[in-house]
Structures are given as structure tokens and as C-alpha cells.
N, C-alpha and C. Protein backbone atom coordinates (compact mmCIF):
# COMPACT_ATOMS: atom_id res chain seq x y z
N MET A 1 -10.01 -0.35 6.01
CA MET A 1 -9.24 -1.37 5.33
C MET A 1 -8.04 -1.73 6.20
N LYS A 2 -7.66 -2.99 6.15
CA LYS A 2 -6.45 -3.42 6.84
C LYS A 2 -5.28 -3.29 5.87
N VAL A 3 -4.23 -2.62 6.31
CA VAL A 3 -3.07 -2.39 5.46
C VAL A 3 -1.84 -2.96 6.14
N ARG A 4 -1.04 -3.66 5.34
CA ARG A 4 0.22 -4.19 5.84
C ARG A 4 1.29 -3.90 4.79
N ILE A 5 2.34 -3.17 5.18
CA ILE A 5 3.46 -2.86 4.30
C ILE A 5 4.67 -3.55 4.91
N ILE A 6 5.23 -4.51 4.15
CA ILE A 6 6.32 -5.31 4.70
C ILE A 6 7.52 -5.34 3.74
N THR A 7 8.70 -5.53 4.32
CA THR A 7 9.93 -5.78 3.57
C THR A 7 10.41 -7.17 3.98
N PRO A 8 11.44 -7.69 3.32
CA PRO A 8 11.98 -8.98 3.77
C PRO A 8 12.51 -8.93 5.21
N GLU A 9 12.86 -7.73 5.69
CA GLU A 9 13.45 -7.60 7.02
C GLU A 9 12.45 -7.29 8.13
N LYS A 10 11.38 -6.51 7.81
CA LYS A 10 10.50 -6.07 8.89
C LYS A 10 9.16 -5.58 8.36
N VAL A 11 8.27 -5.33 9.29
CA VAL A 11 6.97 -4.74 8.99
C VAL A 11 7.12 -3.22 9.10
N LEU A 12 6.81 -2.48 8.02
CA LEU A 12 6.91 -1.02 8.04
C LEU A 12 5.65 -0.38 8.59
N PHE A 13 4.49 -0.98 8.30
CA PHE A 13 3.22 -0.48 8.82
C PHE A 13 2.21 -1.61 8.82
N GLU A 14 1.40 -1.64 9.87
CA GLU A 14 0.30 -2.59 9.93
C GLU A 14 -0.81 -1.92 10.73
N GLY A 15 -1.96 -1.76 10.08
CA GLY A 15 -3.07 -1.13 10.76
C GLY A 15 -4.21 -0.80 9.82
N GLU A 16 -5.18 -0.07 10.33
CA GLU A 16 -6.35 0.35 9.56
C GLU A 16 -6.06 1.67 8.84
N SER A 17 -6.63 1.81 7.65
CA SER A 17 -6.45 3.03 6.86
C SER A 17 -7.73 3.33 6.09
N GLU A 18 -8.02 4.62 5.90
CA GLU A 18 -9.20 5.03 5.14
C GLU A 18 -8.95 5.00 3.64
N SER A 19 -7.70 5.27 3.23
CA SER A 19 -7.33 5.25 1.81
C SER A 19 -5.82 5.08 1.69
N VAL A 20 -5.41 4.55 0.53
CA VAL A 20 -3.98 4.34 0.28
C VAL A 20 -3.70 4.69 -1.17
N THR A 21 -2.58 5.37 -1.42
CA THR A 21 -2.12 5.66 -2.78
C THR A 21 -0.81 4.92 -3.00
N PHE A 22 -0.77 4.13 -4.07
CA PHE A 22 0.40 3.32 -4.39
C PHE A 22 1.08 3.84 -5.65
N PRO A 23 2.43 3.72 -5.74
CA PRO A 23 3.16 4.08 -6.97
C PRO A 23 3.19 2.89 -7.93
N GLY A 24 2.14 2.72 -8.70
CA GLY A 24 2.07 1.61 -9.64
C GLY A 24 3.02 1.79 -10.81
N ILE A 25 3.32 0.72 -11.51
CA ILE A 25 4.26 0.81 -12.64
C ILE A 25 3.66 1.59 -13.81
N ASN A 26 2.34 1.74 -13.84
CA ASN A 26 1.69 2.55 -14.88
C ASN A 26 1.16 3.86 -14.32
N GLY A 27 1.68 4.27 -13.17
CA GLY A 27 1.24 5.51 -12.53
C GLY A 27 0.62 5.23 -11.17
N SER A 28 0.48 6.27 -10.39
CA SER A 28 -0.10 6.13 -9.06
C SER A 28 -1.57 5.77 -9.14
N PHE A 29 -2.03 5.02 -8.14
CA PHE A 29 -3.45 4.70 -8.07
C PHE A 29 -3.90 4.67 -6.62
N ASP A 30 -5.17 5.02 -6.42
CA ASP A 30 -5.75 5.08 -5.09
C ASP A 30 -6.57 3.83 -4.80
N VAL A 31 -6.58 3.44 -3.55
CA VAL A 31 -7.40 2.32 -3.10
C VAL A 31 -8.28 2.82 -1.96
N LEU A 32 -9.58 2.65 -2.13
CA LEU A 32 -10.57 3.01 -1.13
C LEU A 32 -11.26 1.72 -0.67
N PRO A 33 -12.03 1.78 0.42
CA PRO A 33 -12.73 0.57 0.87
C PRO A 33 -13.57 -0.05 -0.25
N HIS A 34 -13.65 -1.37 -0.23
CA HIS A 34 -14.43 -2.17 -1.19
C HIS A 34 -13.83 -2.15 -2.59
N HIS A 35 -12.52 -1.92 -2.70
CA HIS A 35 -11.83 -1.95 -3.99
C HIS A 35 -11.90 -3.37 -4.57
N ALA A 36 -11.95 -3.47 -5.87
CA ALA A 36 -11.95 -4.77 -6.54
C ALA A 36 -10.64 -5.51 -6.24
N PRO A 37 -10.68 -6.83 -6.22
CA PRO A 37 -9.45 -7.60 -6.01
C PRO A 37 -8.40 -7.26 -7.08
N LEU A 38 -7.13 -7.21 -6.66
CA LEU A 38 -6.07 -6.79 -7.57
C LEU A 38 -4.73 -7.27 -7.04
N ILE A 39 -3.86 -7.69 -7.94
CA ILE A 39 -2.45 -7.91 -7.64
C ILE A 39 -1.68 -7.16 -8.71
N THR A 40 -0.79 -6.26 -8.29
CA THR A 40 -0.05 -5.46 -9.27
C THR A 40 1.33 -5.09 -8.75
N ALA A 41 2.23 -4.81 -9.69
CA ALA A 41 3.60 -4.42 -9.35
C ALA A 41 3.65 -2.94 -8.96
N LEU A 42 4.61 -2.63 -8.10
CA LEU A 42 4.86 -1.26 -7.68
C LEU A 42 6.26 -0.85 -8.11
N GLN A 43 6.42 0.44 -8.38
CA GLN A 43 7.73 0.96 -8.73
C GLN A 43 8.24 1.84 -7.59
N LYS A 44 9.48 2.26 -7.71
CA LYS A 44 10.08 3.14 -6.71
C LYS A 44 9.21 4.39 -6.57
N GLY A 45 8.93 4.75 -5.33
CA GLY A 45 8.10 5.92 -5.08
C GLY A 45 7.67 5.97 -3.62
N THR A 46 6.48 6.50 -3.40
CA THR A 46 5.97 6.70 -2.05
C THR A 46 4.56 6.13 -1.91
N ILE A 47 4.37 5.33 -0.88
CA ILE A 47 3.02 4.89 -0.52
C ILE A 47 2.49 5.92 0.47
N ARG A 48 1.30 6.43 0.17
CA ARG A 48 0.66 7.42 1.05
C ARG A 48 -0.62 6.81 1.60
N TYR A 49 -0.83 6.93 2.92
CA TYR A 49 -2.02 6.35 3.52
C TYR A 49 -2.58 7.27 4.60
N LEU A 50 -3.89 7.19 4.78
CA LEU A 50 -4.62 8.06 5.70
C LEU A 50 -5.12 7.22 6.87
N VAL A 51 -4.72 7.62 8.08
CA VAL A 51 -5.11 6.90 9.30
C VAL A 51 -5.74 7.91 10.25
N ASN A 52 -7.02 7.73 10.53
CA ASN A 52 -7.74 8.63 11.43
C ASN A 52 -7.57 10.10 11.04
N GLY A 53 -7.60 10.38 9.74
CA GLY A 53 -7.50 11.75 9.25
C GLY A 53 -6.08 12.29 9.14
N THR A 54 -5.09 11.51 9.54
CA THR A 54 -3.68 11.93 9.47
C THR A 54 -3.01 11.23 8.30
N LYS A 55 -2.28 12.00 7.50
CA LYS A 55 -1.58 11.46 6.33
C LYS A 55 -0.19 10.96 6.72
N TYR A 56 0.17 9.78 6.20
CA TYR A 56 1.49 9.20 6.42
C TYR A 56 2.10 8.81 5.08
N GLU A 57 3.41 8.73 5.02
CA GLU A 57 4.12 8.35 3.80
C GLU A 57 5.19 7.32 4.11
N GLN A 58 5.41 6.42 3.15
CA GLN A 58 6.47 5.42 3.26
C GLN A 58 7.15 5.30 1.91
N SER A 59 8.43 5.66 1.83
CA SER A 59 9.19 5.52 0.59
C SER A 59 9.53 4.05 0.36
N ILE A 60 9.43 3.62 -0.90
CA ILE A 60 9.75 2.23 -1.23
C ILE A 60 10.63 2.17 -2.47
N GLY A 61 11.28 1.02 -2.67
CA GLY A 61 12.07 0.79 -3.87
C GLY A 61 11.17 0.24 -4.97
N SER A 62 10.71 -0.98 -4.80
CA SER A 62 9.79 -1.61 -5.74
C SER A 62 9.08 -2.71 -4.98
N GLY A 63 8.17 -3.41 -5.64
CA GLY A 63 7.48 -4.51 -4.98
C GLY A 63 6.17 -4.81 -5.66
N PHE A 64 5.23 -5.33 -4.87
CA PHE A 64 3.90 -5.60 -5.40
C PHE A 64 2.89 -5.46 -4.26
N VAL A 65 1.61 -5.33 -4.65
CA VAL A 65 0.55 -5.23 -3.67
C VAL A 65 -0.58 -6.18 -4.05
N LYS A 66 -1.16 -6.80 -3.04
CA LYS A 66 -2.33 -7.65 -3.23
C LYS A 66 -3.48 -7.00 -2.47
N ILE A 67 -4.62 -6.84 -3.17
CA ILE A 67 -5.80 -6.24 -2.57
C ILE A 67 -6.94 -7.24 -2.69
N GLU A 68 -7.52 -7.60 -1.54
CA GLU A 68 -8.63 -8.54 -1.55
C GLU A 68 -9.42 -8.42 -0.24
N ASN A 69 -10.74 -8.26 -0.37
CA ASN A 69 -11.64 -8.20 0.80
C ASN A 69 -11.21 -7.14 1.81
N ASP A 70 -10.87 -5.94 1.32
CA ASP A 70 -10.44 -4.82 2.18
C ASP A 70 -9.18 -5.13 2.99
N ILE A 71 -8.36 -6.07 2.49
CA ILE A 71 -7.05 -6.35 3.09
C ILE A 71 -6.00 -6.06 2.03
N LEU A 72 -5.10 -5.11 2.32
CA LEU A 72 -4.04 -4.71 1.39
C LEU A 72 -2.71 -5.17 1.96
N THR A 73 -1.97 -5.96 1.20
CA THR A 73 -0.64 -6.40 1.63
C THR A 73 0.36 -5.97 0.57
N ALA A 74 1.26 -5.08 0.95
CA ALA A 74 2.31 -4.60 0.05
C ALA A 74 3.64 -5.20 0.48
N CYS A 75 4.26 -5.97 -0.40
CA CYS A 75 5.59 -6.54 -0.16
C CYS A 75 6.56 -5.69 -0.97
N VAL A 76 7.46 -4.98 -0.29
CA VAL A 76 8.29 -3.98 -0.95
C VAL A 76 9.76 -4.12 -0.57
N GLU A 77 10.59 -3.52 -1.39
CA GLU A 77 12.00 -3.34 -1.05
C GLU A 77 12.15 -1.93 -0.56
N LYS A 78 13.01 -1.73 0.38
CA LYS A 78 13.20 -0.41 0.97
C LYS A 78 14.25 0.38 0.27
């Protein structure tokens, strides 16, 4: 999946990922390849993503994520 995590100031991450966990407003949720299309709000927390078997984390304030055709774009506040 292509993942892009951006703020109004800069790109925090852009690349391929095997899975991503987002801090949704109704609890954390995982996104795997071929996930159904979705647009949802995010709350303060941590985005966790797996790249080539290595786990990474990015703390965020709030924002939203759009998921469509294995492209995930998260617009967040830092």
C-alpha cells in the first residue's frame, strides 16, 4: 500500500507499507492491503506502520485519513 502522512507544514512519511494502525475517534483500527474505501477522523495518538518488516511510529494530534485503491493519505496535526 502507498502511505502518505502529511501535516500543513511537511510530509512526515511517504512510502510503501504492509499494514497501518490508525488512532480512530472510535478506537484504533488496522488497514491491510485491499481495504474498503474509507474516509474517517483521527484523534490524538500514534500511527503505527510496517515497512519491510520494521515497525515505525508517528505521534499525531488529530486529523483524518482517506483510504482508496491501496492509497492511504493521512492529513494530521502534529
